[in-house]
Protein backbone atom coordinates (compact mmCIF):
# COMPACT_ATOMS: atom_id res chain seq x y z
CA MET A 1 82.18 -17.95 -31.28
CA ILE A 2 84.50 -20.38 -32.43
CA ILE A 3 82.30 -22.55 -35.48
CA LYS A 4 83.67 -26.16 -34.83
CA ASN A 5 80.60 -27.24 -36.91
CA VAL A 6 77.18 -26.31 -38.69
CA ASN A 7 74.91 -27.81 -40.53
CA LEU A 8 71.10 -27.81 -42.07
CA GLU A 9 68.87 -29.94 -39.63
CA THR A 10 65.93 -29.43 -39.99
CA VAL A 11 63.61 -28.07 -43.30
CA CYS A 12 60.39 -27.26 -42.44
CA GLY A 13 57.39 -26.48 -45.04
CA VAL A 14 53.79 -24.57 -44.53
CA THR A 15 52.29 -27.98 -43.32
CA SER A 16 55.62 -29.14 -41.39
CA LYS A 17 55.46 -29.68 -37.66
CA LEU A 18 57.62 -27.90 -35.48
CA PRO A 19 60.95 -29.24 -34.33
CA ASP A 20 60.42 -30.11 -30.60
CA HIS A 21 64.48 -28.55 -29.56
CA LYS A 22 66.56 -28.19 -26.23
CA LEU A 23 68.49 -25.70 -27.22
CA PRO A 24 68.33 -22.16 -28.06
CA GLU A 25 66.92 -20.52 -30.24
CA PHE A 26 68.17 -17.36 -32.40
CA ALA A 27 65.69 -15.67 -35.32
CA PHE A 28 66.37 -13.90 -38.81
CA ALA A 29 63.65 -12.11 -40.58
CA GLY A 30 63.91 -9.28 -43.04
CA LYS A 31 62.65 -8.62 -46.36
CA SER A 32 63.43 -11.34 -49.51
CA ASN A 33 66.05 -9.40 -51.06
CA VAL A 34 67.78 -7.59 -47.64
CA GLY A 35 70.82 -10.05 -47.56
CA LYS A 36 69.79 -12.47 -45.27
CA SER A 37 71.46 -15.41 -46.35
CA SER A 38 74.79 -13.82 -46.86
CA MET A 39 74.33 -12.27 -43.39
CA ILE A 40 73.91 -15.82 -41.69
CA ASN A 41 76.89 -17.14 -43.94
CA ALA A 42 78.89 -14.46 -42.86
CA MET A 43 78.06 -15.24 -38.69
CA ILE A 44 78.84 -18.83 -39.19
CA ASN A 45 82.21 -18.24 -41.00
CA ARG A 46 80.99 -20.76 -44.24
CA LYS A 47 80.73 -19.31 -48.27
CA SER A 48 77.41 -20.95 -49.03
CA LEU A 49 75.97 -22.87 -46.29
CA ALA A 50 72.53 -20.40 -46.48
CA ARG A 51 71.49 -20.55 -49.92
CA THR A 52 70.92 -17.15 -51.62
CA SER A 53 68.76 -17.50 -54.35
CA SER A 54 68.87 -15.41 -57.67
CA GLN A 55 64.80 -15.26 -57.11
CA PRO A 56 64.10 -13.49 -54.38
CA GLY A 57 60.17 -14.72 -52.56
CA LYS A 58 61.70 -18.62 -53.62
CA THR A 59 62.71 -19.85 -49.92
CA GLN A 60 59.44 -20.92 -47.99
CA THR A 61 60.42 -22.86 -45.62
CA ILE A 62 61.77 -22.20 -42.08
CA ASN A 63 65.24 -23.31 -42.26
CA PHE A 64 66.84 -24.44 -38.80
CA TYR A 65 70.93 -24.77 -38.59
CA ASN A 66 72.13 -26.31 -35.25
CA ILE A 67 75.91 -24.13 -34.75
CA ASN A 68 78.38 -26.65 -32.28
CA ASP A 69 75.16 -28.61 -31.00
CA ALA A 70 74.81 -25.43 -29.06
CA LEU A 71 72.29 -23.58 -30.84
CA TYR A 72 70.16 -23.37 -33.59
CA PHE A 73 69.75 -20.17 -35.92
CA VAL A 74 66.31 -20.53 -37.80
CA ASP A 75 66.32 -18.93 -41.07
CA LEU A 76 62.38 -17.09 -41.52
CA PRO A 77 61.28 -16.96 -45.13
CA GLY A 78 61.45 -13.68 -46.95
CA TYR A 79 59.09 -11.37 -47.17
CA GLY A 80 57.41 -8.17 -49.76
CA TYR A 81 58.17 -9.71 -52.33
CA ALA A 82 55.45 -8.42 -55.46
CA LYS A 83 55.61 -11.42 -57.24
CA VAL A 84 54.59 -14.04 -54.71
CA SER A 85 50.42 -15.37 -54.34
CA ALA A 86 48.74 -12.96 -51.51
CA GLU A 87 47.49 -16.24 -50.99
CA ALA A 88 51.52 -17.46 -49.97
CA LYS A 89 52.18 -14.49 -48.50
CA ALA A 90 49.28 -15.61 -46.30
CA LYS A 91 50.32 -19.07 -45.61
CA TRP A 92 54.57 -17.61 -44.67
CA GLY A 93 52.73 -15.30 -42.52
CA LYS A 94 51.38 -17.83 -40.89
CA MET A 95 53.58 -20.61 -40.50
CA ILE A 96 55.92 -17.66 -38.62
CA GLU A 97 53.10 -16.58 -36.32
CA ASN A 98 53.14 -19.91 -35.87
CA TYR A 99 57.02 -19.83 -34.58
CA LEU A 100 56.83 -17.19 -33.32
CA LYS A 101 54.53 -18.36 -30.38
CA LYS A 102 54.80 -21.52 -30.01
CA SER A 103 58.62 -21.79 -30.14
CA PRO A 104 59.63 -22.47 -26.23
CA VAL A 105 63.07 -22.22 -26.59
CA LEU A 106 62.99 -19.03 -28.98
CA LYS A 107 65.79 -16.90 -27.40
CA MET A 108 66.03 -13.97 -29.50
CA VAL A 109 64.98 -12.24 -33.41
CA PHE A 110 66.94 -10.49 -35.53
CA LEU A 111 65.07 -8.33 -37.90
CA LEU A 112 67.40 -7.27 -40.89
CA ILE A 113 67.05 -3.88 -42.72
CA ASP A 114 68.43 -1.90 -45.94
CA ILE A 115 70.44 0.12 -44.02
CA ARG A 116 70.39 2.41 -47.71
CA HIS A 117 66.42 2.69 -47.43
CA GLU A 118 63.74 4.52 -45.32
CA PRO A 119 62.06 0.71 -43.54
CA SER A 120 59.36 -0.44 -46.00
CA GLU A 121 55.60 -0.87 -44.52
CA ASN A 122 56.58 -4.24 -44.96
CA ASP A 123 59.36 -4.21 -42.81
CA ARG A 124 57.12 -1.49 -40.43
CA THR A 125 54.47 -4.62 -40.03
CA MET A 126 57.22 -7.40 -39.36
CA TYR A 127 58.85 -5.20 -36.25
CA GLU A 128 55.70 -4.18 -34.87
CA TRP A 129 54.20 -7.87 -35.32
CA ILE A 130 58.00 -9.60 -33.97
CA VAL A 131 56.85 -7.07 -30.65
CA TYR A 132 52.78 -7.78 -30.16
CA ASN A 133 53.97 -11.56 -29.78
CA GLY A 134 56.15 -10.77 -27.38
CA TYR A 135 60.11 -10.27 -28.46
CA ARG A 136 61.61 -6.47 -28.29
CA PRO A 137 63.40 -7.23 -31.80
CA VAL A 138 67.26 -6.82 -32.52
CA ILE A 139 67.90 -4.64 -36.13
CA ILE A 140 70.59 -5.54 -38.17
CA ALA A 141 70.94 -2.90 -40.82
CA THR A 142 72.47 -4.93 -43.48
CA LYS A 143 74.56 -3.43 -46.46
CA LEU A 144 76.34 -0.94 -44.38
CA ASP A 145 80.01 -1.68 -47.14
CA LYS A 146 76.94 -0.16 -49.49
CA LEU A 147 77.32 3.61 -48.14
CA LYS A 148 80.07 6.01 -47.89
CA ARG A 149 81.01 6.43 -44.28
CA SER A 150 79.74 9.79 -43.43
CA GLN A 151 75.82 8.53 -44.54
CA VAL A 152 76.09 5.66 -42.11
CA ALA A 153 74.86 8.07 -39.02
CA LYS A 154 72.20 9.45 -40.76
CA GLN A 155 71.25 6.32 -42.28
CA ILE A 156 70.57 5.02 -38.88
CA ARG A 157 68.32 7.71 -37.49
CA LEU A 158 66.21 6.89 -40.31
CA VAL A 159 65.30 3.54 -40.02
CA ARG A 160 64.84 3.69 -36.29
CA GLU A 161 62.99 6.68 -36.38
CA GLY A 162 60.73 4.64 -39.32
CA LEU A 163 60.59 0.91 -37.52
CA GLY A 164 59.78 3.38 -34.44
CA MET A 165 62.22 1.85 -31.75
CA GLU A 166 62.73 3.04 -28.66
CA LYS A 167 66.19 4.49 -27.20
CA GLU A 168 66.90 0.96 -25.15
CA ASP A 169 66.34 -0.68 -28.38
CA ILE A 170 68.95 -2.02 -30.69
CA LEU A 171 70.41 -1.97 -33.44
CA ILE A 172 73.81 -2.42 -35.40
CA PRO A 173 75.15 -2.03 -38.04
CA PHE A 174 76.66 -4.96 -40.50
CA SER A 175 78.39 -5.69 -43.53
CA ALA A 176 78.66 -9.21 -44.85
CA GLU A 177 81.27 -8.12 -47.07
CA THR A 178 83.85 -7.09 -44.35
CA LYS A 179 81.83 -8.67 -40.99
CA GLN A 180 81.74 -5.37 -39.50
CA GLY A 181 78.85 -6.26 -36.97
CA ARG A 182 79.68 -10.22 -35.92
CA GLU A 183 81.33 -9.72 -33.12
CA GLU A 184 78.88 -7.49 -31.63
CA ILE A 185 75.99 -10.08 -32.62
CA TRP A 186 78.07 -12.82 -31.53
CA GLU A 187 78.39 -11.65 -28.28
CA LEU A 188 74.90 -10.68 -27.50
CA ILE A 189 73.89 -14.32 -28.52
CA GLU A 190 76.91 -15.89 -26.09
CA GLY A 191 75.54 -13.62 -23.43
CA SER A 192 71.96 -14.27 -23.77
CA ILE A 193 72.49 -18.07 -23.18
CA GLY A 194 74.81 -17.91 -20.45
CA LEU A 195 78.04 -18.74 -23.16
CA GLU A 196 81.23 -17.40 -22.20
CA CYS A 197 82.92 -15.33 -25.14
CA GLY A 198 85.14 -16.92 -27.12
CA SER A 199 87.66 -15.25 -30.01
CA LEU A 200 86.03 -15.99 -33.12
CA ASP A 201 87.19 -18.13 -35.65
CA GLU A 202 88.06 -15.58 -38.91
CA SER A 203 88.34 -18.91 -40.85
CA ALA A 204 86.10 -19.13 -43.97
CA ASP A 205 85.45 -22.49 -45.14
CA SER A 206 83.28 -23.33 -48.26
């Protein structure tokens, strides 16, 4: 995917109505400190369009990024941060559930898991929740650059077993630093909506 233009088009809070999009949507879910903003920025070749926060759990909205007027990346609120109140967690959960159930153009859900650690209870709950809502999430195992090469296969097994993934389920090791895994993710996205896979634009605009 050659990234020509990206815009943060819509921000939905707890009481907001979801946008009525015609273009396909691809949603990204993950724990508050899993590196979701960094991953999205790496995918779209932007340094800081998706804002990384120094306070995990701060993002309380669903953010819709229009990419090339061809598709949307949908950044879901991070979960699992202890300092967020139970009431806030319940509201975010309802917001995410509402989106998963009601978006008619949602094509794929990506669930980000830190490759360095066994999936948490929150990770397993989110995985099962996505499956319950009718999607087989693609797992993006983030922070790959933090591991030695000899550790990767073991950690991939740990993530797959920890989530109870099926053999056919897809897991892509990913690094926002080196961009390893980026091309594989774009190929999945493009293939799912019939776009012809083009060369990836490696420029990093600010």
